[in-house]
Amino acid sequence: MSVALAGGLTAGQVVALFLVFVVVVIALGSIKIVPQAQAYVIESLGTYKGTWSVGWHVKIPIFDRIAHKVSLKEQVVDFAPQPVITKDNVTMRIDTVVFFQITDPKLYAYGVEKPIMAIENLTATTLRNIIGDLELDQTLTSRETINTKMRATLDEATDPWGIKVNRVELKNIIPPAAIQDAMEKQMKAERERREQILIAEGEKKSAILRAEGQKESLILAAEAEKQSAILRAEATKEATIKRAEGEAQAILTVQKANADGIKYLNEAKPETAVLTLKSLEAFGKAADGKATKLIIPSDIAGVAGLATTLAEVVKDSGDKSE
């Protein structure tokens, strides 16, 4: 005989609803979704059962459990500086950075205890072995070679652990303080040497530029002097032409004046006495010159006599009037 509870439900119904609720909760809890770039390692009663990849999966309650959640992304581990000794017995400290990726979640889960610690110890051992075969100078200048050797060694050693080492980088190489001081002095000397070389090259270029500037200046000065000489020659030529033209114009003017005078005389038809007087004036001007010898035309003598007679007549007239 069922007993009615508050709300009209019997005890059997309440138990049934509770069982349904428990089943639903367990069913929902059994559905697992694996996100992108991850993998779940599943164990059943403590034994490896399988590896779940991306997507949803159903886990058997009580029996199955997620033993490991493994990230498949590339991971970066920065290890603390490790003391190493070079071939020439110099102790230095080197810290490394390892880039790795889990390729097999099962091997990663069961291959080695504490994989990151194992990688760190393996990195330190490999680094000591490689640096032990190199001298200090080689260690400082062979980073790429050391990186390549370490990556190959670590990748081979971690393969049974389901780990792939993609890259290994030497982050810092810290030599002893005394060597650091010597290296700094050497680098300082090298910088000063390069500075002196740059200064010398700058002075050389400056001297070349100054010489080219002086050369250009001399060329421009010579060109200017040449142009100035050409202009002076052209000016002198022009002045000479102008003077010649002026003299020629003056001669033309005089000749024209003489021609006009002769023309006017011809038009005036002067008497013989006037022509005679003009001839005597011309003769007198010729006589005033510096010539030591005069050639007188034959008819001038008669004219001269006539002039003398006229002069005496004028004189006698003057005496009588006195």
C-alpha atoms as a PDB file:
ATOM      1  CA  MET A   1       0.000   0.000   0.000  1.00  0.00           C
ATOM      2  CA  SER A   2       1.604   3.294  -1.195  1.00  0.00           C
ATOM      3  CA  VAL A   3       1.824   6.302   1.034  1.00  0.00           C
ATOM      4  CA  ALA A   4       0.896   9.631  -0.477  1.00  0.00           C
ATOM      5  CA  LEU A   5       3.315  12.499   0.146  1.00  0.00           C
ATOM      6  CA  ALA A   6       2.850  16.202  -0.103  1.00  0.00           C
ATOM      7  CA  GLY A   7       2.099  17.242  -3.634  1.00  0.00           C
ATOM      8  CA  GLY A   8       0.310  13.995  -4.441  1.00  0.00           C
ATOM      9  CA  LEU A   9       3.516  11.939  -5.168  1.00  0.00           C
ATOM     10  CA  THR A  10       4.030   8.577  -3.626  1.00  0.00           C
ATOM     11  CA  ALA A  11       7.340   7.474  -2.120  1.00  0.00           C
ATOM     12  CA  GLY A  12       7.957   5.177  -5.090  1.00  0.00           C
ATOM     13  CA  GLN A  13       7.574   8.056  -7.532  1.00  0.00           C
ATOM     14  CA  VAL A  14       9.987  10.209  -5.580  1.00  0.00           C
ATOM     15  CA  VAL A  15      12.606   7.437  -5.602  1.00  0.00           C
ATOM     16  CA  ALA A  16      12.073   6.935  -9.310  1.00  0.00           C
ATOM     17  CA  LEU A  17      12.511  10.635 -10.020  1.00  0.00           C
ATOM     18  CA  PHE A  18      15.678  10.667  -7.914  1.00  0.00           C
ATOM     19  CA  LEU A  19      17.083   7.720  -9.795  1.00  0.00           C
ATOM     20  CA  VAL A  20      16.261   9.402 -13.107  1.00  0.00           C
ATOM     21  CA  PHE A  21      18.001  12.551 -11.935  1.00  0.00           C
ATOM     22  CA  VAL A  22      21.093  10.601 -10.887  1.00  0.00           C
ATOM     23  CA  VAL A  23      21.188   8.759 -14.210  1.00  0.00           C
ATOM     24  CA  VAL A  24      20.912  12.042 -16.135  1.00  0.00           C
ATOM     25  CA  VAL A  25      23.697  13.637 -14.086  1.00  0.00           C
ATOM     26  CA  ILE A  26      25.933  10.614 -14.555  1.00  0.00           C
ATOM     27  CA  ALA A  27      25.171  10.504 -18.285  1.00  0.00           C
ATOM     28  CA  LEU A  28      25.949  14.179 -18.700  1.00  0.00           C
ATOM     29  CA  GLY A  29      29.139  13.782 -16.672  1.00  0.00           C
ATOM     30  CA  SER A  30      30.192  10.904 -18.877  1.00  0.00           C
ATOM     31  CA  ILE A  31      30.167  13.053 -22.007  1.00  0.00           C
ATOM     32  CA  LYS A  32      33.534  14.792 -22.410  1.00  0.00           C
ATOM     33  CA  ILE A  33      34.603  17.280 -25.069  1.00  0.00           C
ATOM     34  CA  VAL A  34      38.288  17.507 -25.967  1.00  0.00           C
ATOM     35  CA  PRO A  35      39.215  21.058 -27.093  1.00  0.00           C
ATOM     36  CA  GLN A  36      41.433  21.982 -30.033  1.00  0.00           C
ATOM     37  CA  ALA A  37      45.204  21.277 -29.727  1.00  0.00           C
ATOM     38  CA  GLN A  38      44.714  18.931 -26.769  1.00  0.00           C
ATOM     39  CA  ALA A  39      44.561  15.193 -26.161  1.00  0.00           C
ATOM     40  CA  TYR A  40      43.245  13.182 -23.177  1.00  0.00           C
ATOM     41  CA  VAL A  41      44.924  10.000 -21.976  1.00  0.00           C
ATOM     42  CA  ILE A  42      42.210   7.622 -20.655  1.00  0.00           C
ATOM     43  CA  GLU A  43      42.725   4.855 -18.127  1.00  0.00           C
ATOM     44  CA  SER A  44      40.237   2.123 -17.261  1.00  0.00           C
ATOM     45  CA  LEU A  45      40.660   0.601 -13.824  1.00  0.00           C
ATOM     46  CA  GLY A  46      44.236   1.939 -13.757  1.00  0.00           C
ATOM     47  CA  THR A  47      45.169   0.579 -17.192  1.00  0.00           C
ATOM     48  CA  TYR A  48      45.800   2.675 -20.311  1.00  0.00           C
ATOM     49  CA  LYS A  49      42.663   2.490 -22.446  1.00  0.00           C
ATOM     50  CA  GLY A  50      43.210   5.024 -25.177  1.00  0.00           C
ATOM     51  CA  THR A  51      43.873   8.628 -26.232  1.00  0.00           C
ATOM     52  CA  TRP A  52      41.023  10.944 -27.036  1.00  0.00           C
ATOM     53  CA  SER A  53      41.566  13.487 -29.778  1.00  0.00           C
ATOM     54  CA  VAL A  54      39.556  16.632 -30.491  1.00  0.00           C
ATOM     55  CA  GLY A  55      35.760  16.182 -30.235  1.00  0.00           C
ATOM     56  CA  TRP A  56      33.240  14.651 -27.827  1.00  0.00           C
ATOM     57  CA  HIS A  57      33.651  11.275 -26.151  1.00  0.00           C
ATOM     58  CA  VAL A  58      31.714   9.109 -23.663  1.00  0.00           C
ATOM     59  CA  LYS A  59      33.446   7.952 -20.500  1.00  0.00           C
ATOM     60  CA  ILE A  60      32.193   4.889 -18.635  1.00  0.00           C
ATOM     61  CA  PRO A  61      31.365   6.045 -15.129  1.00  0.00           C
ATOM     62  CA  ILE A  62      33.379   4.612 -12.278  1.00  0.00           C
ATOM     63  CA  PHE A  63      35.623   2.551 -14.588  1.00  0.00           C
ATOM     64  CA  ASP A  64      37.141   5.204 -16.905  1.00  0.00           C
ATOM     65  CA  ARG A  65      39.053   8.285 -15.869  1.00  0.00           C
ATOM     66  CA  ILE A  66      41.053  11.005 -17.585  1.00  0.00           C
ATOM     67  CA  ALA A  67      44.625  10.315 -16.468  1.00  0.00           C
ATOM     68  CA  HIS A  68      46.395  13.160 -18.360  1.00  0.00           C
ATOM     69  CA  LYS A  69      45.388  16.216 -20.308  1.00  0.00           C
ATOM     70  CA  VAL A  70      48.156  16.851 -22.813  1.00  0.00           C
ATOM     71  CA  SER A  71      48.687  20.083 -24.797  1.00  0.00           C
ATOM     72  CA  LEU A  72      49.767  19.517 -28.383  1.00  0.00           C
ATOM     73  CA  LYS A  73      50.912  23.126 -28.889  1.00  0.00           C
ATOM     74  CA  GLU A  74      54.584  24.032 -29.206  1.00  0.00           C
ATOM     75  CA  GLN A  75      55.911  24.819 -25.748  1.00  0.00           C
ATOM     76  CA  VAL A  76      58.834  26.958 -24.629  1.00  0.00           C
ATOM     77  CA  VAL A  77      60.954  26.232 -21.581  1.00  0.00           C
ATOM     78  CA  ASP A  78      63.607  28.669 -20.361  1.00  0.00           C
ATOM     79  CA  PHE A  79      66.209  26.887 -18.263  1.00  0.00           C
ATOM     80  CA  ALA A  80      68.397  28.615 -15.688  1.00  0.00           C
ATOM     81  CA  PRO A  81      72.100  29.250 -16.490  1.00  0.00           C
ATOM     82  CA  GLN A  82      74.244  26.130 -16.269  1.00  0.00           C
ATOM     83  CA  PRO A  83      77.983  26.167 -15.416  1.00  0.00           C
ATOM     84  CA  VAL A  84      80.112  24.723 -18.224  1.00  0.00           C
ATOM     85  CA  ILE A  85      83.864  24.418 -18.808  1.00  0.00           C
ATOM     86  CA  THR A  86      85.450  25.042 -22.197  1.00  0.00           C
ATOM     87  CA  LYS A  87      88.303  23.082 -23.710  1.00  0.00           C
ATOM     88  CA  ASP A  88      90.794  25.740 -22.550  1.00  0.00           C
ATOM     89  CA  ASN A  89      89.508  25.448 -18.933  1.00  0.00           C
ATOM     90  CA  VAL A  90      87.380  28.596 -18.810  1.00  0.00           C
ATOM     91  CA  THR A  91      84.282  28.298 -16.654  1.00  0.00           C
ATOM     92  CA  MET A  92      81.220  30.147 -17.920  1.00  0.00           C
ATOM     93  CA  ARG A  93      77.475  30.082 -17.427  1.00  0.00           C
ATOM     94  CA  ILE A  94      75.020  29.474 -20.265  1.00  0.00           C
ATOM     95  CA  ASP A  95      71.232  29.525 -20.148  1.00  0.00           C
ATOM     96  CA  THR A  96      69.191  27.878 -22.862  1.00  0.00           C
ATOM     97  CA  VAL A  97      65.701  28.041 -24.313  1.00  0.00           C
ATOM     98  CA  VAL A  98      64.124  24.841 -25.652  1.00  0.00           C
ATOM     99  CA  PHE A  99      61.148  24.774 -28.037  1.00  0.00           C
ATOM    100  CA  PHE A 100      59.426  21.399 -28.046  1.00  0.00           C
ATOM    101  CA  GLN A 101      56.117  19.770 -28.953  1.00  0.00           C
ATOM    102  CA  ILE A 102      54.375  16.628 -27.710  1.00  0.00           C
ATOM    103  CA  THR A 103      53.744  14.251 -30.590  1.00  0.00           C
ATOM    104  CA  ASP A 104      52.630  11.110 -28.695  1.00  0.00           C
ATOM    105  CA  PRO A 105      50.499  11.746 -25.573  1.00  0.00           C
ATOM    106  CA  LYS A 106      50.777   8.099 -24.433  1.00  0.00           C
ATOM    107  CA  LEU A 107      54.597   8.104 -24.479  1.00  0.00           C
ATOM    108  CA  TYR A 108      54.637  11.535 -22.877  1.00  0.00           C
ATOM    109  CA  ALA A 109      52.364  10.257 -20.071  1.00  0.00           C
ATOM    110  CA  TYR A 110      54.156   6.958 -19.428  1.00  0.00           C
ATOM    111  CA  GLY A 111      57.626   7.383 -20.991  1.00  0.00           C
ATOM    112  CA  VAL A 112      59.378   9.404 -18.298  1.00  0.00           C
ATOM    113  CA  GLU A 113      58.620  10.830 -14.887  1.00  0.00           C
ATOM    114  CA  LYS A 114      58.516  14.642 -14.895  1.00  0.00           C
ATOM    115  CA  PRO A 115      59.340  15.186 -18.598  1.00  0.00           C
ATOM    116  CA  ILE A 116      60.250  18.894 -18.220  1.00  0.00           C
ATOM    117  CA  MET A 117      62.823  18.126 -15.531  1.00  0.00           C
ATOM    118  CA  ALA A 118      64.168  15.325 -17.689  1.00  0.00           C
ATOM    119  CA  ILE A 119      64.553  17.719 -20.640  1.00  0.00           C
ATOM    120  CA  GLU A 120      66.338  20.248 -18.435  1.00  0.00           C
ATOM    121  CA  ASN A 121      68.842  17.697 -17.155  1.00  0.00           C
ATOM    122  CA  LEU A 122      69.392  16.331 -20.647  1.00  0.00           C
ATOM    123  CA  THR A 123      69.956  19.871 -21.961  1.00  0.00           C
ATOM    124  CA  ALA A 124      72.561  20.633 -19.280  1.00  0.00           C
ATOM    125  CA  THR A 125      74.422  17.371 -19.964  1.00  0.00           C
ATOM    126  CA  THR A 126      74.401  17.878 -23.731  1.00  0.00           C
ATOM    127  CA  LEU A 127      75.559  21.465 -23.351  1.00  0.00           C
ATOM    128  CA  ARG A 128      78.513  20.472 -21.175  1.00  0.00           C
ATOM    129  CA  ASN A 129      79.558  17.807 -23.664  1.00  0.00           C
ATOM    130  CA  ILE A 130      79.465  20.195 -26.620  1.00  0.00           C
ATOM    131  CA  ILE A 131      81.153  23.147 -24.878  1.00  0.00           C
ATOM    132  CA  GLY A 132      83.852  20.819 -23.501  1.00  0.00           C
ATOM    133  CA  ASP A 133      85.093  20.276 -27.063  1.00  0.00           C
ATOM    134  CA  LEU A 134      85.264  24.020 -27.867  1.00  0.00           C
ATOM    135  CA  GLU A 135      87.594  26.786 -26.759  1.00  0.00           C
ATOM    136  CA  LEU A 136      86.356  30.106 -25.425  1.00  0.00           C
ATOM    137  CA  ASP A 137      86.586  31.982 -28.720  1.00  0.00           C
ATOM    138  CA  GLN A 138      84.804  29.176 -30.569  1.00  0.00           C
ATOM    139  CA  THR A 139      82.069  29.122 -27.938  1.00  0.00           C
ATOM    140  CA  LEU A 140      81.455  32.852 -28.337  1.00  0.00           C
ATOM    141  CA  THR A 141      81.371  32.721 -32.130  1.00  0.00           C
ATOM    142  CA  SER A 142      79.658  29.361 -32.762  1.00  0.00           C
ATOM    143  CA  ARG A 143      76.184  29.838 -31.332  1.00  0.00           C
ATOM    144  CA  GLU A 144      74.467  28.536 -34.440  1.00  0.00           C
ATOM    145  CA  THR A 145      76.617  25.404 -34.534  1.00  0.00           C
ATOM    146  CA  ILE A 146      75.988  24.721 -30.823  1.00  0.00           C
ATOM    147  CA  ASN A 147      72.238  25.232 -31.290  1.00  0.00           C
ATOM    148  CA  THR A 148      72.135  22.776 -34.179  1.00  0.00           C
ATOM    149  CA  LYS A 149      74.089  20.069 -32.333  1.00  0.00           C
ATOM    150  CA  MET A 150      71.982  20.420 -29.191  1.00  0.00           C
ATOM    151  CA  ARG A 151      68.703  20.234 -31.105  1.00  0.00           C
ATOM    152  CA  ALA A 152      69.763  17.060 -32.914  1.00  0.00           C
ATOM    153  CA  THR A 153      70.928  15.394 -29.683  1.00  0.00           C
ATOM    154  CA  LEU A 154      67.875  16.395 -27.639  1.00  0.00           C
ATOM    155  CA  ASP A 155      65.427  15.440 -30.370  1.00  0.00           C
ATOM    156  CA  GLU A 156      66.905  11.971 -30.620  1.00  0.00           C
ATOM    157  CA  ALA A 157      66.968  11.516 -26.832  1.00  0.00           C
ATOM    158  CA  THR A 158      63.393  12.720 -26.255  1.00  0.00           C
ATOM    159  CA  ASP A 159      61.819  10.754 -29.097  1.00  0.00           C
ATOM    160  CA  PRO A 160      60.996   7.743 -26.786  1.00  0.00           C
ATOM    161  CA  TRP A 161      59.161  10.222 -24.535  1.00  0.00           C
ATOM    162  CA  GLY A 162      56.819  11.317 -27.312  1.00  0.00           C
ATOM    163  CA  ILE A 163      58.520  14.738 -27.502  1.00  0.00           C
ATOM    164  CA  LYS A 164      59.924  16.480 -30.561  1.00  0.00           C
ATOM    165  CA  VAL A 165      62.512  19.213 -29.957  1.00  0.00           C
ATOM    166  CA  ASN A 166      62.053  21.860 -32.655  1.00  0.00           C
ATOM    167  CA  ARG A 167      64.710  24.412 -31.673  1.00  0.00           C
ATOM    168  CA  VAL A 168      67.347  25.077 -29.028  1.00  0.00           C
ATOM    169  CA  GLU A 169      68.723  28.590 -28.483  1.00  0.00           C
ATOM    170  CA  LEU A 170      71.607  29.759 -26.324  1.00  0.00           C
ATOM    171  CA  LYS A 171      70.063  32.732 -24.594  1.00  0.00           C
ATOM    172  CA  ASN A 172      73.085  34.116 -22.739  1.00  0.00           C
ATOM    173  CA  ILE A 173      76.752  33.197 -22.558  1.00  0.00           C
ATOM    174  CA  ILE A 174      78.226  34.657 -19.382  1.00  0.00           C
ATOM    175  CA  PRO A 175      82.049  34.375 -19.183  1.00  0.00           C
ATOM    176  CA  PRO A 176      84.044  35.114 -15.987  1.00  0.00           C
ATOM    177  CA  ALA A 177      84.339  38.739 -14.850  1.00  0.00           C
ATOM    178  CA  ALA A 178      88.023  39.023 -15.819  1.00  0.00           C
ATOM    179  CA  ILE A 179      87.302  37.802 -19.328  1.00  0.00           C
ATOM    180  CA  GLN A 180      84.325  40.122 -19.568  1.00  0.00           C
ATOM    181  CA  ASP A 181      86.580  43.073 -18.692  1.00  0.00           C
ATOM    182  CA  ALA A 182      89.128  41.996 -21.289  1.00  0.00           C
ATOM    183  CA  MET A 183      86.397  41.572 -23.886  1.00  0.00           C
ATOM    184  CA  GLU A 184      84.958  44.987 -23.085  1.00  0.00           C
ATOM    185  CA  LYS A 185      88.403  46.582 -23.430  1.00  0.00           C
ATOM    186  CA  GLN A 186      88.905  44.783 -26.724  1.00  0.00           C
ATOM    187  CA  MET A 187      85.508  45.900 -27.999  1.00  0.00           C
ATOM    188  CA  LYS A 188      86.241  49.456 -26.847  1.00  0.00           C
ATOM    189  CA  ALA A 189      89.557  49.430 -28.703  1.00  0.00           C
ATOM    190  CA  GLU A 190      87.805  48.059 -31.780  1.00  0.00           C
ATOM    191  CA  ARG A 191      85.154  50.784 -31.580  1.00  0.00           C
ATOM    192  CA  GLU A 192      87.843  53.461 -31.229  1.00  0.00           C
ATOM    193  CA  ARG A 193      89.719  52.001 -34.202  1.00  0.00           C
ATOM    194  CA  ARG A 194      86.576  52.052 -36.329  1.00  0.00           C
ATOM    195  CA  GLU A 195      85.863  55.575 -35.149  1.00  0.00           C
ATOM    196  CA  GLN A 196      89.335  56.695 -36.228  1.00  0.00           C
ATOM    197  CA  ILE A 197      88.830  55.006 -39.585  1.00  0.00           C
ATOM    198  CA  LEU A 198      85.489  56.762 -40.032  1.00  0.00           C
ATOM    199  CA  ILE A 199      87.029  60.109 -39.042  1.00  0.00           C
ATOM    200  CA  ALA A 200      89.903  59.602 -41.494  1.00  0.00           C
ATOM    201  CA  GLU A 201      87.476  58.656 -44.254  1.00  0.00           C
ATOM    202  CA  GLY A 202      85.372  61.713 -43.427  1.00  0.00           C
ATOM    203  CA  GLU A 203      88.408  64.009 -43.572  1.00  0.00           C
ATOM    204  CA  LYS A 204      89.476  62.430 -46.838  1.00  0.00           C
ATOM    205  CA  LYS A 205      86.065  62.957 -48.364  1.00  0.00           C
ATOM    206  CA  SER A 206      85.995  66.510 -46.986  1.00  0.00           C
ATOM    207  CA  ALA A 207      89.405  67.256 -48.539  1.00  0.00           C
ATOM    208  CA  ILE A 208      88.241  65.838 -51.849  1.00  0.00           C
ATOM    209  CA  LEU A 209      85.106  67.958 -51.720  1.00  0.00           C
ATOM    210  CA  ARG A 210      87.145  71.067 -50.886  1.00  0.00           C
ATOM    211  CA  ALA A 211      89.533  70.353 -53.775  1.00  0.00           C
ATOM    212  CA  GLU A 212      86.616  69.843 -56.133  1.00  0.00           C
ATOM    213  CA  GLY A 213      85.068  73.070 -54.859  1.00  0.00           C
ATOM    214  CA  GLN A 214      88.300  75.007 -55.421  1.00  0.00           C
ATOM    215  CA  LYS A 215      88.644  73.465 -58.850  1.00  0.00           C
ATOM    216  CA  GLU A 216      85.091  74.425 -59.705  1.00  0.00           C
ATOM    217  CA  SER A 217      85.706  77.932 -58.370  1.00  0.00           C
ATOM    218  CA  LEU A 218      88.826  78.341 -60.521  1.00  0.00           C
ATOM    219  CA  ILE A 219      86.967  77.067 -63.551  1.00  0.00           C
ATOM    220  CA  LEU A 220      84.134  79.516 -62.924  1.00  0.00           C
ATOM    221  CA  ALA A 221      86.626  82.384 -62.380  1.00  0.00           C
ATOM    222  CA  ALA A 222      88.449  81.532 -65.612  1.00  0.00           C
ATOM    223  CA  GLU A 223      85.156  81.304 -67.439  1.00  0.00           C
ATOM    224  CA  ALA A 224      84.107  84.681 -66.015  1.00  0.00           C
ATOM    225  CA  GLU A 225      87.470  86.248 -67.033  1.00  0.00           C
ATOM    226  CA  LYS A 226      87.077  84.790 -70.491  1.00  0.00           C
ATOM    227  CA  GLN A 227      83.590  86.234 -70.821  1.00  0.00           C
ATOM    228  CA  SER A 228      84.851  89.568 -69.454  1.00  0.00           C
ATOM    229  CA  ALA A 229      87.711  89.643 -72.001  1.00  0.00           C
ATOM    230  CA  ILE A 230      85.288  88.810 -74.784  1.00  0.00           C
ATOM    231  CA  LEU A 231      82.970  91.587 -73.661  1.00  0.00           C
ATOM    232  CA  ARG A 232      85.879  94.093 -73.422  1.00  0.00           C
ATOM    233  CA  ALA A 233      87.082  93.106 -76.904  1.00  0.00           C
ATOM    234  CA  GLU A 234      83.577  93.483 -78.270  1.00  0.00           C
ATOM    235  CA  ALA A 235      83.248  96.870 -76.525  1.00  0.00           C
ATOM    236  CA  THR A 236      86.612  98.047 -77.975  1.00  0.00           C
ATOM    237  CA  LYS A 237      85.603  96.792 -81.388  1.00  0.00           C
ATOM    238  CA  GLU A 238      82.279  98.593 -81.112  1.00  0.00           C
ATOM    239  CA  ALA A 239      83.983 101.812 -79.975  1.00  0.00           C
ATOM    240  CA  THR A 240      86.500 101.613 -82.845  1.00  0.00           C
ATOM    241  CA  ILE A 241      83.698 101.082 -85.324  1.00  0.00           C
ATOM    242  CA  LYS A 242      81.789 104.012 -83.839  1.00  0.00           C
ATOM    243  CA  ARG A 243      84.874 106.296 -84.031  1.00  0.00           C
ATOM    244  CA  ALA A 244      85.555 105.207 -87.602  1.00  0.00           C
ATOM    245  CA  GLU A 245      81.954 105.830 -88.508  1.00  0.00           C
ATOM    246  CA  GLY A 246      82.146 109.257 -86.805  1.00  0.00           C
ATOM    247  CA  GLU A 247      85.355 110.194 -88.644  1.00  0.00           C
ATOM    248  CA  ALA A 248      83.908 108.978 -91.907  1.00  0.00           C
ATOM    249  CA  GLN A 249      80.792 111.017 -91.261  1.00  0.00           C
ATOM    250  CA  ALA A 250      82.929 114.070 -90.451  1.00  0.00           C
ATOM    251  CA  ILE A 251      84.930 113.640 -93.668  1.00  0.00           C
ATOM    252  CA  LEU A 252      81.715 113.274 -95.622  1.00  0.00           C
ATOM    253  CA  THR A 253      80.387 116.411 -93.977  1.00  0.00           C
ATOM    254  CA  VAL A 254      83.578 118.412 -94.807  1.00  0.00           C
ATOM    255  CA  GLN A 255      83.623 117.122 -98.337  1.00  0.00           C
ATOM    256  CA  LYS A 256      80.006 117.976 -98.712  1.00  0.00           C
ATOM    257  CA  ALA A 257      80.654 121.451 -97.342  1.00  0.00           C
ATOM    258  CA  ASN A 258      83.537 121.936 -99.805  1.00  0.00           C
ATOM    259  CA  ALA A 259      81.422 120.658-102.625  1.00  0.00           C
ATOM    260  CA  ASP A 260      78.627 122.964-101.633  1.00  0.00           C
ATOM    261  CA  GLY A 261      81.105 125.899-101.470  1.00  0.00           C
ATOM    262  CA  ILE A 262      82.426 125.138-104.909  1.00  0.00           C
ATOM    263  CA  LYS A 263      78.890 124.783-106.147  1.00  0.00           C
ATOM    264  CA  TYR A 264      77.957 128.162-104.692  1.00  0.00           C
ATOM    265  CA  LEU A 265      81.079 129.770-106.226  1.00  0.00           C
ATOM    266  CA  ASN A 266      80.227 128.327-109.590  1.00  0.00           C
ATOM    267  CA  GLU A 267      76.687 129.557-109.295  1.00  0.00           C
ATOM    268  CA  ALA A 268      77.888 133.040-108.189  1.00  0.00           C
ATOM    269  CA  LYS A 269      80.333 133.313-111.181  1.00  0.00           C
ATOM    270  CA  PRO A 270      83.039 135.249-109.280  1.00  0.00           C
ATOM    271  CA  GLU A 271      85.342 137.708-111.042  1.00  0.00           C
ATOM    272  CA  THR A 272      88.943 136.935-111.794  1.00  0.00           C
ATOM    273  CA  ALA A 273      90.191 139.207-109.057  1.00  0.00           C
ATOM    274  CA  VAL A 274      88.220 137.312-106.424  1.00  0.00           C
ATOM    275  CA  LEU A 275      89.583 133.992-107.629  1.00  0.00           C
ATOM    276  CA  THR A 276      93.038 135.455-107.574  1.00  0.00           C
ATOM    277  CA  LEU A 277      92.644 136.608-103.997  1.00  0.00           C
ATOM    278  CA  LYS A 278      91.377 133.197-102.952  1.00  0.00           C
ATOM    279  CA  SER A 279      94.384 131.604-104.624  1.00  0.00           C
ATOM    280  CA  LEU A 280      96.693 133.943-102.762  1.00  0.00           C
ATOM    281  CA  GLU A 281      95.026 133.059 -99.455  1.00  0.00           C
ATOM    282  CA  ALA A 282      95.507 129.377-100.166  1.00  0.00           C
ATOM    283  CA  PHE A 283      99.100 130.015-101.100  1.00  0.00           C
ATOM    284  CA  GLY A 284      99.644 131.952 -97.904  1.00  0.00           C
ATOM    285  CA  LYS A 285      98.316 129.092 -95.783  1.00  0.00           C
ATOM    286  CA  ALA A 286     100.569 126.676 -97.580  1.00  0.00           C
ATOM    287  CA  ALA A 287     103.547 128.966 -96.976  1.00  0.00           C
ATOM    288  CA  ASP A 288     102.850 129.065 -93.233  1.00  0.00           C
ATOM    289  CA  GLY A 289     103.502 125.312 -92.959  1.00  0.00           C
ATOM    290  CA  LYS A 290     106.751 123.633 -92.053  1.00  0.00           C
ATOM    291  CA  ALA A 291     107.545 122.548 -95.594  1.00  0.00           C
ATOM    292  CA  THR A 292     111.016 123.632 -96.737  1.00  0.00           C
ATOM    293  CA  LYS A 293     110.202 123.544-100.420  1.00  0.00           C
ATOM    294  CA  LEU A 294     107.136 124.885-102.282  1.00  0.00           C
ATOM    295  CA  ILE A 295     106.155 124.173-105.835  1.00  0.00           C
ATOM    296  CA  ILE A 296     104.336 127.212-107.235  1.00  0.00           C
ATOM    297  CA  PRO A 297     102.386 127.017-110.483  1.00  0.00           C
ATOM    298  CA  SER A 298     103.662 129.307-113.302  1.00  0.00           C
ATOM    299  CA  ASP A 299     100.564 131.452-113.416  1.00  0.00           C
ATOM    300  CA  ILE A 300     100.808 132.221-109.722  1.00  0.00           C
ATOM    301  CA  ALA A 301     103.791 134.474-110.344  1.00  0.00           C
ATOM    302  CA  GLY A 302     101.688 136.826-112.384  1.00  0.00           C
ATOM    303  CA  VAL A 303      99.046 136.791-109.818  1.00  0.00           C
ATOM    304  CA  ALA A 304     101.634 137.591-107.145  1.00  0.00           C
ATOM    305  CA  GLY A 305     102.828 140.556-109.164  1.00  0.00           C
ATOM    306  CA  LEU A 306      99.294 141.796-109.455  1.00  0.00           C
ATOM    307  CA  ALA A 307      98.838 141.528-105.742  1.00  0.00           C
ATOM    308  CA  THR A 308     102.041 143.522-105.141  1.00  0.00           C
ATOM    309  CA  THR A 309     100.897 146.278-107.486  1.00  0.00           C
ATOM    310  CA  LEU A 310      97.578 146.525-105.759  1.00  0.00           C
ATOM    311  CA  ALA A 311      99.315 146.778-102.406  1.00  0.00           C
ATOM    312  CA  GLU A 312     101.553 149.648-103.590  1.00  0.00           C
ATOM    313  CA  VAL A 313      98.584 151.552-105.047  1.00  0.00           C
ATOM    314  CA  VAL A 314      96.816 151.244-101.733  1.00  0.00           C
ATOM    315  CA  LYS A 315      99.958 152.497 -99.927  1.00  0.00           C
ATOM    316  CA  ASP A 316     100.429 155.539-102.169  1.00  0.00           C
ATOM    317  CA  SER A 317      96.863 156.524-101.695  1.00  0.00           C
ATOM    318  CA  GLY A 318      97.389 156.445 -97.991  1.00  0.00           C
ATOM    319  CA  ASP A 319     100.495 158.630 -98.123  1.00  0.00           C
ATOM    320  CA  LYS A 320      98.792 161.279-100.184  1.00  0.00           C
ATOM    321  CA  SER A 321      95.934 161.506 -97.899  1.00  0.00           C
ATOM    322  CA  GLU A 322      98.324 162.283 -95.115  1.00  0.00           C
END
